[in-house]
């Protein structure tokens, strides 16, 4: 049994880390904000944890905690200007934040290793730790989604003017969404750093941004399970289509087009909504008088 599981543990690591990043991205989408700053928050958490462990001798748990805190603070600082913007302007501003951060990582070579990367990081994070972190994050977001914060996010996503007329403060909840996004991405960035032996600035560039957005679109952003489904599909597809590796990007693109055309809310969320609608229809039919059913 272990001989079968062991070779696939790296895939489990990728699913857990990718789900963490996707949850960070989905939380701002749910609040009606179009930010793509997740990779920047992850870079802050990753480099913070790696530098503290390697150069300062911090305990890994403390280093990851400080990386999470740094991501949260970055989210709060970024929320101030972005809360005044909407739509594509938020996306451009948050993308600029990521690009500036990557440039700073490349510039401060003595601290971050610059273009050569940051190496000799001890691998102390095990797969079970990533699974626990992922499940706890999903549970936290599920609980928040069922409370006042989740209802405010949903109202803002559907119709911001109506939400404001109902007493929802858009600026307040934009700040909360950015803080949550930054903390989650910082946490998983720190965990990602301590499961690898090295970091490079390119890890947190455009590729991770596209992968995270694709996972959210593919799985769905209305539930905490949607990002997990999206990431799992994207991680397993290369293994399934390994003989077609040269066509991998074309397959990804075709898959996203098909999902957006036929499953507009993502694979998991669309299936869940359709099953709920069918259940409600059956319950309504069962509750109707026999003459009305006839």
C-alpha atoms as a PDB file:
ATOM      1  CA  UNK A   1       0.000   0.000   0.000  1.00  0.00           C
ATOM      2  CA  UNK A   2       2.743   2.447   0.981  1.00  0.00           C
ATOM      3  CA  UNK A   3       4.637   1.588  -2.200  1.00  0.00           C
ATOM      4  CA  UNK A   4       1.635   2.922  -4.155  1.00  0.00           C
ATOM      5  CA  UNK A   5       1.023   6.010  -2.006  1.00  0.00           C
ATOM      6  CA  UNK A   6       4.618   7.252  -1.622  1.00  0.00           C
ATOM      7  CA  UNK A   7       5.228   8.148  -5.307  1.00  0.00           C
ATOM      8  CA  UNK A   8       2.001  10.177  -5.347  1.00  0.00           C
ATOM      9  CA  UNK A   9       2.693  12.279  -2.238  1.00  0.00           C
ATOM     10  CA  UNK A  10       4.180  15.131  -4.335  1.00  0.00           C
ATOM     11  CA  UNK A  11       0.821  15.364  -6.137  1.00  0.00           C
ATOM     12  CA  UNK A  12      -0.938  15.593  -2.770  1.00  0.00           C
ATOM     13  CA  UNK A  13       1.450  18.396  -1.779  1.00  0.00           C
ATOM     14  CA  UNK A  14       0.640  20.290  -4.974  1.00  0.00           C
ATOM     15  CA  UNK A  15      -3.102  19.851  -4.437  1.00  0.00           C
ATOM     16  CA  UNK A  16      -2.939  21.151  -0.856  1.00  0.00           C
ATOM     17  CA  UNK A  17      -0.737  24.150  -1.683  1.00  0.00           C
ATOM     18  CA  UNK A  18      -2.714  24.959  -4.828  1.00  0.00           C
ATOM     19  CA  UNK A  19      -6.000  24.747  -2.920  1.00  0.00           C
ATOM     20  CA  UNK A  20      -4.659  27.186  -0.331  1.00  0.00           C
ATOM     21  CA  UNK A  21      -3.758  29.679  -3.058  1.00  0.00           C
ATOM     22  CA  UNK A  22      -7.100  29.138  -4.802  1.00  0.00           C
ATOM     23  CA  UNK A  23      -9.021  29.733  -1.552  1.00  0.00           C
ATOM     24  CA  UNK A  24      -7.070  32.966  -1.089  1.00  0.00           C
ATOM     25  CA  UNK A  25      -8.115  34.037  -4.580  1.00  0.00           C
ATOM     26  CA  UNK A  26     -11.721  32.883  -4.214  1.00  0.00           C
ATOM     27  CA  UNK A  27     -12.362  34.870  -1.026  1.00  0.00           C
ATOM     28  CA  UNK A  28     -11.806  38.208  -2.770  1.00  0.00           C
ATOM     29  CA  UNK A  29     -13.913  37.103  -5.733  1.00  0.00           C
ATOM     30  CA  UNK A  30     -16.715  36.208  -3.351  1.00  0.00           C
ATOM     31  CA  UNK A  31     -16.601  39.737  -1.929  1.00  0.00           C
ATOM     32  CA  UNK A  32     -17.055  41.190  -5.407  1.00  0.00           C
ATOM     33  CA  UNK A  33     -13.400  42.251  -5.693  1.00  0.00           C
ATOM     34  CA  UNK A  34     -11.268  41.486  -8.742  1.00  0.00           C
ATOM     35  CA  UNK A  35      -7.811  41.193  -7.229  1.00  0.00           C
ATOM     36  CA  UNK A  36      -4.980  38.979  -8.490  1.00  0.00           C
ATOM     37  CA  UNK A  37      -2.590  39.719  -5.614  1.00  0.00           C
ATOM     38  CA  UNK A  38      -2.557  36.149  -4.246  1.00  0.00           C
ATOM     39  CA  UNK A  39       0.834  35.304  -5.743  1.00  0.00           C
ATOM     40  CA  UNK A  40       2.324  38.444  -4.179  1.00  0.00           C
ATOM     41  CA  UNK A  41       0.995  37.545  -0.736  1.00  0.00           C
ATOM     42  CA  UNK A  42       2.317  33.996  -1.191  1.00  0.00           C
ATOM     43  CA  UNK A  43       5.759  35.341  -2.118  1.00  0.00           C
ATOM     44  CA  UNK A  44       5.850  37.444   1.050  1.00  0.00           C
ATOM     45  CA  UNK A  45       4.940  34.465   3.226  1.00  0.00           C
ATOM     46  CA  UNK A  46       7.386  32.152   1.447  1.00  0.00           C
ATOM     47  CA  UNK A  47      10.417  34.429   1.570  1.00  0.00           C
ATOM     48  CA  UNK A  48       9.635  35.538   5.123  1.00  0.00           C
ATOM     49  CA  UNK A  49       9.514  31.950   6.382  1.00  0.00           C
ATOM     50  CA  UNK A  50      12.599  30.863   4.418  1.00  0.00           C
ATOM     51  CA  UNK A  51      14.741  33.835   5.482  1.00  0.00           C
ATOM     52  CA  UNK A  52      13.767  33.547   9.143  1.00  0.00           C
ATOM     53  CA  UNK A  53      14.502  29.814   9.262  1.00  0.00           C
ATOM     54  CA  UNK A  54      17.759  29.817   7.254  1.00  0.00           C
ATOM     55  CA  UNK A  55      19.346  33.133   8.236  1.00  0.00           C
ATOM     56  CA  UNK A  56      17.875  33.823  11.669  1.00  0.00           C
ATOM     57  CA  UNK A  57      17.416  30.304  13.024  1.00  0.00           C
ATOM     58  CA  UNK A  58      13.698  30.724  13.833  1.00  0.00           C
ATOM     59  CA  UNK A  59      11.549  27.707  14.586  1.00  0.00           C
ATOM     60  CA  UNK A  60       9.670  26.746  11.386  1.00  0.00           C
ATOM     61  CA  UNK A  61       6.237  27.082  13.034  1.00  0.00           C
ATOM     62  CA  UNK A  62       7.053  30.609  14.218  1.00  0.00           C
ATOM     63  CA  UNK A  63       8.484  31.523  10.826  1.00  0.00           C
ATOM     64  CA  UNK A  64       5.340  30.337   9.028  1.00  0.00           C
ATOM     65  CA  UNK A  65       3.191  32.212  11.554  1.00  0.00           C
ATOM     66  CA  UNK A  66       5.120  35.440  10.913  1.00  0.00           C
ATOM     67  CA  UNK A  67       4.812  34.853   7.161  1.00  0.00           C
ATOM     68  CA  UNK A  68       1.049  34.542   7.620  1.00  0.00           C
ATOM     69  CA  UNK A  69       1.004  37.766   9.622  1.00  0.00           C
ATOM     70  CA  UNK A  70       3.061  39.534   6.952  1.00  0.00           C
ATOM     71  CA  UNK A  71       0.590  38.413   4.291  1.00  0.00           C
ATOM     72  CA  UNK A  72      -2.299  39.689   6.412  1.00  0.00           C
ATOM     73  CA  UNK A  73      -0.622  43.091   6.911  1.00  0.00           C
ATOM     74  CA  UNK A  74       0.121  43.327   3.180  1.00  0.00           C
ATOM     75  CA  UNK A  75      -3.551  42.598   2.472  1.00  0.00           C
ATOM     76  CA  UNK A  76      -4.615  45.375   4.837  1.00  0.00           C
ATOM     77  CA  UNK A  77      -2.200  47.864   3.245  1.00  0.00           C
ATOM     78  CA  UNK A  78      -3.226  46.902  -0.286  1.00  0.00           C
ATOM     79  CA  UNK A  79      -6.925  47.128   0.593  1.00  0.00           C
ATOM     80  CA  UNK A  80      -6.706  50.865   1.295  1.00  0.00           C
ATOM     81  CA  UNK A  81      -6.085  51.962  -2.323  1.00  0.00           C
ATOM     82  CA  UNK A  82      -7.852  49.031  -4.013  1.00  0.00           C
ATOM     83  CA  UNK A  83     -11.096  49.559  -2.085  1.00  0.00           C
ATOM     84  CA  UNK A  84     -11.488  52.804  -4.033  1.00  0.00           C
ATOM     85  CA  UNK A  85     -11.206  51.026  -7.384  1.00  0.00           C
ATOM     86  CA  UNK A  86     -13.540  48.669  -9.193  1.00  0.00           C
ATOM     87  CA  UNK A  87     -13.364  45.946 -11.825  1.00  0.00           C
ATOM     88  CA  UNK A  88     -10.439  45.897 -14.213  1.00  0.00           C
ATOM     89  CA  UNK A  89      -8.739  48.762 -12.363  1.00  0.00           C
ATOM     90  CA  UNK A  90      -8.471  46.581  -9.269  1.00  0.00           C
ATOM     91  CA  UNK A  91      -6.973  43.793 -11.358  1.00  0.00           C
ATOM     92  CA  UNK A  92      -4.371  46.104 -12.906  1.00  0.00           C
ATOM     93  CA  UNK A  93      -3.414  47.636  -9.554  1.00  0.00           C
ATOM     94  CA  UNK A  94      -3.080  44.237  -7.831  1.00  0.00           C
ATOM     95  CA  UNK A  95      -1.064  42.889 -10.776  1.00  0.00           C
ATOM     96  CA  UNK A  96       1.235  45.905 -10.436  1.00  0.00           C
ATOM     97  CA  UNK A  97       1.692  44.989  -6.751  1.00  0.00           C
ATOM     98  CA  UNK A  98       2.805  41.472  -7.732  1.00  0.00           C
ATOM     99  CA  UNK A  99       5.220  42.737 -10.384  1.00  0.00           C
ATOM    100  CA  UNK A 100       6.750  45.291  -7.999  1.00  0.00           C
ATOM    101  CA  UNK A 101       7.207  42.604  -5.362  1.00  0.00           C
ATOM    102  CA  UNK A 102       8.902  40.256  -7.838  1.00  0.00           C
ATOM    103  CA  UNK A 103      11.210  43.097  -8.903  1.00  0.00           C
ATOM    104  CA  UNK A 104      12.135  43.778  -5.263  1.00  0.00           C
ATOM    105  CA  UNK A 105      12.903  40.087  -4.706  1.00  0.00           C
ATOM    106  CA  UNK A 106      15.259  40.183  -7.700  1.00  0.00           C
ATOM    107  CA  UNK A 107      16.876  43.455  -6.538  1.00  0.00           C
ATOM    108  CA  UNK A 108      17.703  42.591  -2.924  1.00  0.00           C
ATOM    109  CA  UNK A 109      20.126  39.786  -3.734  1.00  0.00           C
ATOM    110  CA  UNK A 110      21.800  39.707  -0.327  1.00  0.00           C
ATOM    111  CA  UNK A 111      18.490  38.999   1.384  1.00  0.00           C
ATOM    112  CA  UNK A 112      16.546  36.953  -1.168  1.00  0.00           C
ATOM    113  CA  UNK A 113      19.225  35.494  -3.426  1.00  0.00           C
ATOM    114  CA  UNK A 114      18.001  37.597  -6.364  1.00  0.00           C
ATOM    115  CA  UNK A 115      17.804  35.906  -9.775  1.00  0.00           C
ATOM    116  CA  UNK A 116      19.784  32.892  -8.508  1.00  0.00           C
ATOM    117  CA  UNK A 117      17.121  32.079  -5.933  1.00  0.00           C
ATOM    118  CA  UNK A 118      17.130  31.344  -2.219  1.00  0.00           C
ATOM    119  CA  UNK A 119      18.523  27.892  -1.439  1.00  0.00           C
ATOM    120  CA  UNK A 120      19.396  25.443   1.362  1.00  0.00           C
ATOM    121  CA  UNK A 121      15.922  25.624   2.907  1.00  0.00           C
ATOM    122  CA  UNK A 122      15.295  22.689   5.250  1.00  0.00           C
ATOM    123  CA  UNK A 123      12.349  20.526   4.264  1.00  0.00           C
ATOM    124  CA  UNK A 124      10.379  20.327   7.497  1.00  0.00           C
ATOM    125  CA  UNK A 125       6.795  20.443   6.193  1.00  0.00           C
ATOM    126  CA  UNK A 126       5.279  16.995   5.694  1.00  0.00           C
ATOM    127  CA  UNK A 127       2.243  16.088   3.552  1.00  0.00           C
ATOM    128  CA  UNK A 128      -0.002  15.538   6.578  1.00  0.00           C
ATOM    129  CA  UNK A 129       0.739  19.087   7.750  1.00  0.00           C
ATOM    130  CA  UNK A 130      -0.394  20.461   4.403  1.00  0.00           C
ATOM    131  CA  UNK A 131      -3.589  18.390   4.547  1.00  0.00           C
ATOM    132  CA  UNK A 132      -4.361  19.662   8.056  1.00  0.00           C
ATOM    133  CA  UNK A 133      -3.675  23.281   7.031  1.00  0.00           C
ATOM    134  CA  UNK A 134      -5.904  22.931   3.965  1.00  0.00           C
ATOM    135  CA  UNK A 135      -8.792  21.347   5.877  1.00  0.00           C
ATOM    136  CA  UNK A 136      -8.613  23.900   8.711  1.00  0.00           C
ATOM    137  CA  UNK A 137      -8.614  26.766   6.203  1.00  0.00           C
ATOM    138  CA  UNK A 138     -11.608  25.300   4.386  1.00  0.00           C
ATOM    139  CA  UNK A 139     -13.434  24.825   7.694  1.00  0.00           C
ATOM    140  CA  UNK A 140     -12.700  28.429   8.743  1.00  0.00           C
ATOM    141  CA  UNK A 141     -13.972  29.833   5.450  1.00  0.00           C
ATOM    142  CA  UNK A 142     -17.051  27.599   5.592  1.00  0.00           C
ATOM    143  CA  UNK A 143     -17.942  28.924   9.054  1.00  0.00           C
ATOM    144  CA  UNK A 144     -17.316  32.531   7.969  1.00  0.00           C
ATOM    145  CA  UNK A 145     -19.421  31.968   4.858  1.00  0.00           C
ATOM    146  CA  UNK A 146     -22.410  30.897   6.951  1.00  0.00           C
ATOM    147  CA  UNK A 147     -22.189  33.990   9.182  1.00  0.00           C
ATOM    148  CA  UNK A 148     -22.645  37.726   8.771  1.00  0.00           C
ATOM    149  CA  UNK A 149     -19.366  38.125   6.872  1.00  0.00           C
ATOM    150  CA  UNK A 150     -20.357  35.531   4.284  1.00  0.00           C
ATOM    151  CA  UNK A 151     -23.793  37.106   3.796  1.00  0.00           C
ATOM    152  CA  UNK A 152     -22.201  40.543   3.369  1.00  0.00           C
ATOM    153  CA  UNK A 153     -19.727  39.158   0.829  1.00  0.00           C
ATOM    154  CA  UNK A 154     -22.547  37.528  -1.131  1.00  0.00           C
ATOM    155  CA  UNK A 155     -24.603  40.739  -1.146  1.00  0.00           C
ATOM    156  CA  UNK A 156     -21.615  42.769  -2.339  1.00  0.00           C
ATOM    157  CA  UNK A 157     -20.853  40.288  -5.085  1.00  0.00           C
ATOM    158  CA  UNK A 158     -24.399  40.263  -6.409  1.00  0.00           C
ATOM    159  CA  UNK A 159     -25.257  43.971  -6.206  1.00  0.00           C
ATOM    160  CA  UNK A 160     -22.980  46.450  -4.360  1.00  0.00           C
ATOM    161  CA  UNK A 161     -25.481  49.391  -4.401  1.00  0.00           C
ATOM    162  CA  UNK A 162     -28.238  47.219  -2.929  1.00  0.00           C
ATOM    163  CA  UNK A 163     -25.815  45.837  -0.336  1.00  0.00           C
ATOM    164  CA  UNK A 164     -24.851  49.378   0.671  1.00  0.00           C
ATOM    165  CA  UNK A 165     -28.528  50.338   0.969  1.00  0.00           C
ATOM    166  CA  UNK A 166     -28.994  47.410   3.367  1.00  0.00           C
ATOM    167  CA  UNK A 167     -26.287  48.736   5.673  1.00  0.00           C
ATOM    168  CA  UNK A 168     -23.293  46.776   4.373  1.00  0.00           C
ATOM    169  CA  UNK A 169     -20.142  48.892   4.462  1.00  0.00           C
ATOM    170  CA  UNK A 170     -18.294  48.005   1.209  1.00  0.00           C
ATOM    171  CA  UNK A 171     -14.941  49.395   2.343  1.00  0.00           C
ATOM    172  CA  UNK A 172     -15.021  47.433   5.588  1.00  0.00           C
ATOM    173  CA  UNK A 173     -15.744  44.115   3.905  1.00  0.00           C
ATOM    174  CA  UNK A 174     -13.263  44.753   1.086  1.00  0.00           C
ATOM    175  CA  UNK A 175     -10.603  45.218   3.763  1.00  0.00           C
ATOM    176  CA  UNK A 176     -11.705  41.991   5.499  1.00  0.00           C
ATOM    177  CA  UNK A 177     -11.551  40.052   2.226  1.00  0.00           C
ATOM    178  CA  UNK A 178      -8.059  41.345   1.427  1.00  0.00           C
ATOM    179  CA  UNK A 179      -6.842  40.583   4.962  1.00  0.00           C
ATOM    180  CA  UNK A 180      -8.174  37.016   4.745  1.00  0.00           C
ATOM    181  CA  UNK A 181      -6.717  36.574   1.271  1.00  0.00           C
ATOM    182  CA  UNK A 182      -3.313  37.841   2.383  1.00  0.00           C
ATOM    183  CA  UNK A 183      -3.237  35.675   5.515  1.00  0.00           C
ATOM    184  CA  UNK A 184      -4.233  32.482   3.663  1.00  0.00           C
ATOM    185  CA  UNK A 185      -1.755  33.055   0.826  1.00  0.00           C
ATOM    186  CA  UNK A 186       0.997  33.983   3.312  1.00  0.00           C
ATOM    187  CA  UNK A 187       0.332  30.785   5.288  1.00  0.00           C
ATOM    188  CA  UNK A 188       0.519  28.493   2.269  1.00  0.00           C
ATOM    189  CA  UNK A 189       3.450  30.439   0.826  1.00  0.00           C
ATOM    190  CA  UNK A 190       5.373  29.768   4.035  1.00  0.00           C
ATOM    191  CA  UNK A 191       4.415  26.096   3.990  1.00  0.00           C
ATOM    192  CA  UNK A 192       5.388  25.863   0.324  1.00  0.00           C
ATOM    193  CA  UNK A 193       8.826  27.356   1.073  1.00  0.00           C
ATOM    194  CA  UNK A 194       9.517  24.843   3.852  1.00  0.00           C
ATOM    195  CA  UNK A 195       8.575  21.849   1.737  1.00  0.00           C
ATOM    196  CA  UNK A 196      11.030  22.847  -1.025  1.00  0.00           C
ATOM    197  CA  UNK A 197      14.769  23.266  -0.889  1.00  0.00           C
ATOM    198  CA  UNK A 198      14.805  26.543  -2.821  1.00  0.00           C
ATOM    199  CA  UNK A 199      12.753  29.553  -3.906  1.00  0.00           C
ATOM    200  CA  UNK A 200      12.895  31.692  -7.023  1.00  0.00           C
ATOM    201  CA  UNK A 201      11.032  34.868  -7.894  1.00  0.00           C
ATOM    202  CA  UNK A 202       9.619  33.210 -11.024  1.00  0.00           C
ATOM    203  CA  UNK A 203       7.615  30.814  -8.843  1.00  0.00           C
ATOM    204  CA  UNK A 204       5.367  33.712  -7.873  1.00  0.00           C
ATOM    205  CA  UNK A 205       5.048  35.368 -11.248  1.00  0.00           C
ATOM    206  CA  UNK A 206       2.505  35.099 -14.019  1.00  0.00           C
ATOM    207  CA  UNK A 207       2.381  31.296 -14.103  1.00  0.00           C
ATOM    208  CA  UNK A 208       1.067  30.870 -10.547  1.00  0.00           C
ATOM    209  CA  UNK A 209      -1.392  33.703 -11.146  1.00  0.00           C
ATOM    210  CA  UNK A 210      -2.862  31.942 -14.198  1.00  0.00           C
ATOM    211  CA  UNK A 211      -2.904  28.568 -12.450  1.00  0.00           C
ATOM    212  CA  UNK A 212      -4.744  29.992  -9.436  1.00  0.00           C
ATOM    213  CA  UNK A 213      -7.329  31.818 -11.533  1.00  0.00           C
ATOM    214  CA  UNK A 214      -7.854  28.707 -13.669  1.00  0.00           C
ATOM    215  CA  UNK A 215      -8.452  26.554 -10.587  1.00  0.00           C
ATOM    216  CA  UNK A 216     -11.061  28.966  -9.211  1.00  0.00           C
ATOM    217  CA  UNK A 217     -12.851  29.275 -12.567  1.00  0.00           C
ATOM    218  CA  UNK A 218     -12.719  25.529 -13.157  1.00  0.00           C
ATOM    219  CA  UNK A 219     -13.885  24.384  -9.733  1.00  0.00           C
ATOM    220  CA  UNK A 220     -16.103  27.271  -8.635  1.00  0.00           C
ATOM    221  CA  UNK A 221     -15.797  30.180  -6.230  1.00  0.00           C
ATOM    222  CA  UNK A 222     -19.084  30.036  -4.316  1.00  0.00           C
ATOM    223  CA  UNK A 223     -18.103  27.149  -2.048  1.00  0.00           C
ATOM    224  CA  UNK A 224     -14.921  26.090  -0.280  1.00  0.00           C
ATOM    225  CA  UNK A 225     -14.937  22.748  -2.117  1.00  0.00           C
ATOM    226  CA  UNK A 226     -14.920  24.350  -5.580  1.00  0.00           C
ATOM    227  CA  UNK A 227     -11.260  25.503  -5.479  1.00  0.00           C
ATOM    228  CA  UNK A 228     -10.205  22.052  -4.224  1.00  0.00           C
ATOM    229  CA  UNK A 229     -11.967  20.398  -7.172  1.00  0.00           C
ATOM    230  CA  UNK A 230     -10.426  22.857  -9.639  1.00  0.00           C
ATOM    231  CA  UNK A 231      -6.901  22.375  -8.320  1.00  0.00           C
ATOM    232  CA  UNK A 232      -7.280  18.585  -8.233  1.00  0.00           C
ATOM    233  CA  UNK A 233      -8.344  18.542 -11.883  1.00  0.00           C
ATOM    234  CA  UNK A 234      -5.433  20.776 -12.942  1.00  0.00           C
ATOM    235  CA  UNK A 235      -2.889  18.732 -10.967  1.00  0.00           C
ATOM    236  CA  UNK A 236      -4.115  15.354 -12.191  1.00  0.00           C
ATOM    237  CA  UNK A 237      -4.633  16.309 -15.837  1.00  0.00           C
ATOM    238  CA  UNK A 238      -0.896  16.301 -16.682  1.00  0.00           C
ATOM    239  CA  UNK A 239      -0.657  12.780 -15.266  1.00  0.00           C
ATOM    240  CA  UNK A 240      -3.693  11.590 -17.190  1.00  0.00           C
ATOM    241  CA  UNK A 241      -2.591  13.211 -20.458  1.00  0.00           C
ATOM    242  CA  UNK A 242       1.129  12.550 -20.073  1.00  0.00           C
ATOM    243  CA  UNK A 243       1.356  11.006 -23.599  1.00  0.00           C
ATOM    244  CA  UNK A 244      -0.067  14.313 -24.909  1.00  0.00           C
ATOM    245  CA  UNK A 245       2.341  16.528 -22.955  1.00  0.00           C
ATOM    246  CA  UNK A 246       3.118  18.724 -25.954  1.00  0.00           C
ATOM    247  CA  UNK A 247      -0.585  19.606 -26.245  1.00  0.00           C
ATOM    248  CA  UNK A 248      -1.054  20.251 -22.513  1.00  0.00           C
ATOM    249  CA  UNK A 249      -1.642  24.003 -22.778  1.00  0.00           C
ATOM    250  CA  UNK A 250      -4.142  23.519 -25.598  1.00  0.00           C
ATOM    251  CA  UNK A 251      -6.006  20.942 -23.487  1.00  0.00           C
ATOM    252  CA  UNK A 252      -6.091  23.365 -20.534  1.00  0.00           C
ATOM    253  CA  UNK A 253      -7.478  26.137 -22.729  1.00  0.00           C
ATOM    254  CA  UNK A 254     -10.101  23.884 -24.316  1.00  0.00           C
ATOM    255  CA  UNK A 255     -11.166  22.608 -20.896  1.00  0.00           C
ATOM    256  CA  UNK A 256     -11.645  26.129 -19.537  1.00  0.00           C
ATOM    257  CA  UNK A 257     -13.677  27.159 -22.597  1.00  0.00           C
ATOM    258  CA  UNK A 258     -15.928  24.108 -22.232  1.00  0.00           C
ATOM    259  CA  UNK A 259     -16.400  24.714 -18.504  1.00  0.00           C
ATOM    260  CA  UNK A 260     -17.249  28.395 -18.961  1.00  0.00           C
ATOM    261  CA  UNK A 261     -19.709  27.541 -21.737  1.00  0.00           C
ATOM    262  CA  UNK A 262     -21.530  24.633 -20.099  1.00  0.00           C
ATOM    263  CA  UNK A 263     -20.694  24.929 -16.385  1.00  0.00           C
ATOM    264  CA  UNK A 264     -20.660  28.698 -15.836  1.00  0.00           C
ATOM    265  CA  UNK A 265     -20.230  28.519 -12.057  1.00  0.00           C
ATOM    266  CA  UNK A 266     -17.439  25.932 -12.204  1.00  0.00           C
ATOM    267  CA  UNK A 267     -17.570  22.145 -12.168  1.00  0.00           C
ATOM    268  CA  UNK A 268     -18.453  21.615  -8.514  1.00  0.00           C
ATOM    269  CA  UNK A 269     -20.637  24.675  -7.957  1.00  0.00           C
ATOM    270  CA  UNK A 270     -22.698  24.157 -11.123  1.00  0.00           C
ATOM    271  CA  UNK A 271     -23.333  20.477 -10.353  1.00  0.00           C
ATOM    272  CA  UNK A 272     -24.237  21.387  -6.779  1.00  0.00           C
ATOM    273  CA  UNK A 273     -26.701  24.083  -7.894  1.00  0.00           C
ATOM    274  CA  UNK A 274     -28.351  21.777 -10.434  1.00  0.00           C
ATOM    275  CA  UNK A 275     -28.735  19.005  -7.866  1.00  0.00           C
ATOM    276  CA  UNK A 276     -30.271  21.495  -5.420  1.00  0.00           C
ATOM    277  CA  UNK A 277     -32.719  22.754  -8.058  1.00  0.00           C
ATOM    278  CA  UNK A 278     -33.793  19.207  -8.901  1.00  0.00           C
ATOM    279  CA  UNK A 279     -34.257  18.391  -5.216  1.00  0.00           C
ATOM    280  CA  UNK A 280     -36.395  21.501  -4.690  1.00  0.00           C
ATOM    281  CA  UNK A 281     -38.441  20.643  -7.774  1.00  0.00           C
ATOM    282  CA  UNK A 282     -39.091  17.117  -6.470  1.00  0.00           C
ATOM    283  CA  UNK A 283     -40.062  18.477  -3.049  1.00  0.00           C
ATOM    284  CA  UNK A 284     -42.421  21.020  -4.639  1.00  0.00           C
ATOM    285  CA  UNK A 285     -43.988  18.282  -6.769  1.00  0.00           C
ATOM    286  CA  UNK A 286     -44.413  16.016  -3.768  1.00  0.00           C
ATOM    287  CA  UNK A 287     -46.015  18.803  -1.739  1.00  0.00           C
ATOM    288  CA  UNK A 288     -48.448  19.772  -4.496  1.00  0.00           C
ATOM    289  CA  UNK A 289     -52.041  18.440  -4.351  1.00  0.00           C
ATOM    290  CA  UNK A 290     -52.663  15.283  -6.365  1.00  0.00           C
ATOM    291  CA  UNK A 291     -54.969  17.162  -8.722  1.00  0.00           C
ATOM    292  CA  UNK A 292     -52.301  19.764  -9.436  1.00  0.00           C
ATOM    293  CA  UNK A 293     -49.715  17.028 -10.140  1.00  0.00           C
ATOM    294  CA  UNK A 294     -52.089  15.420 -12.601  1.00  0.00           C
END
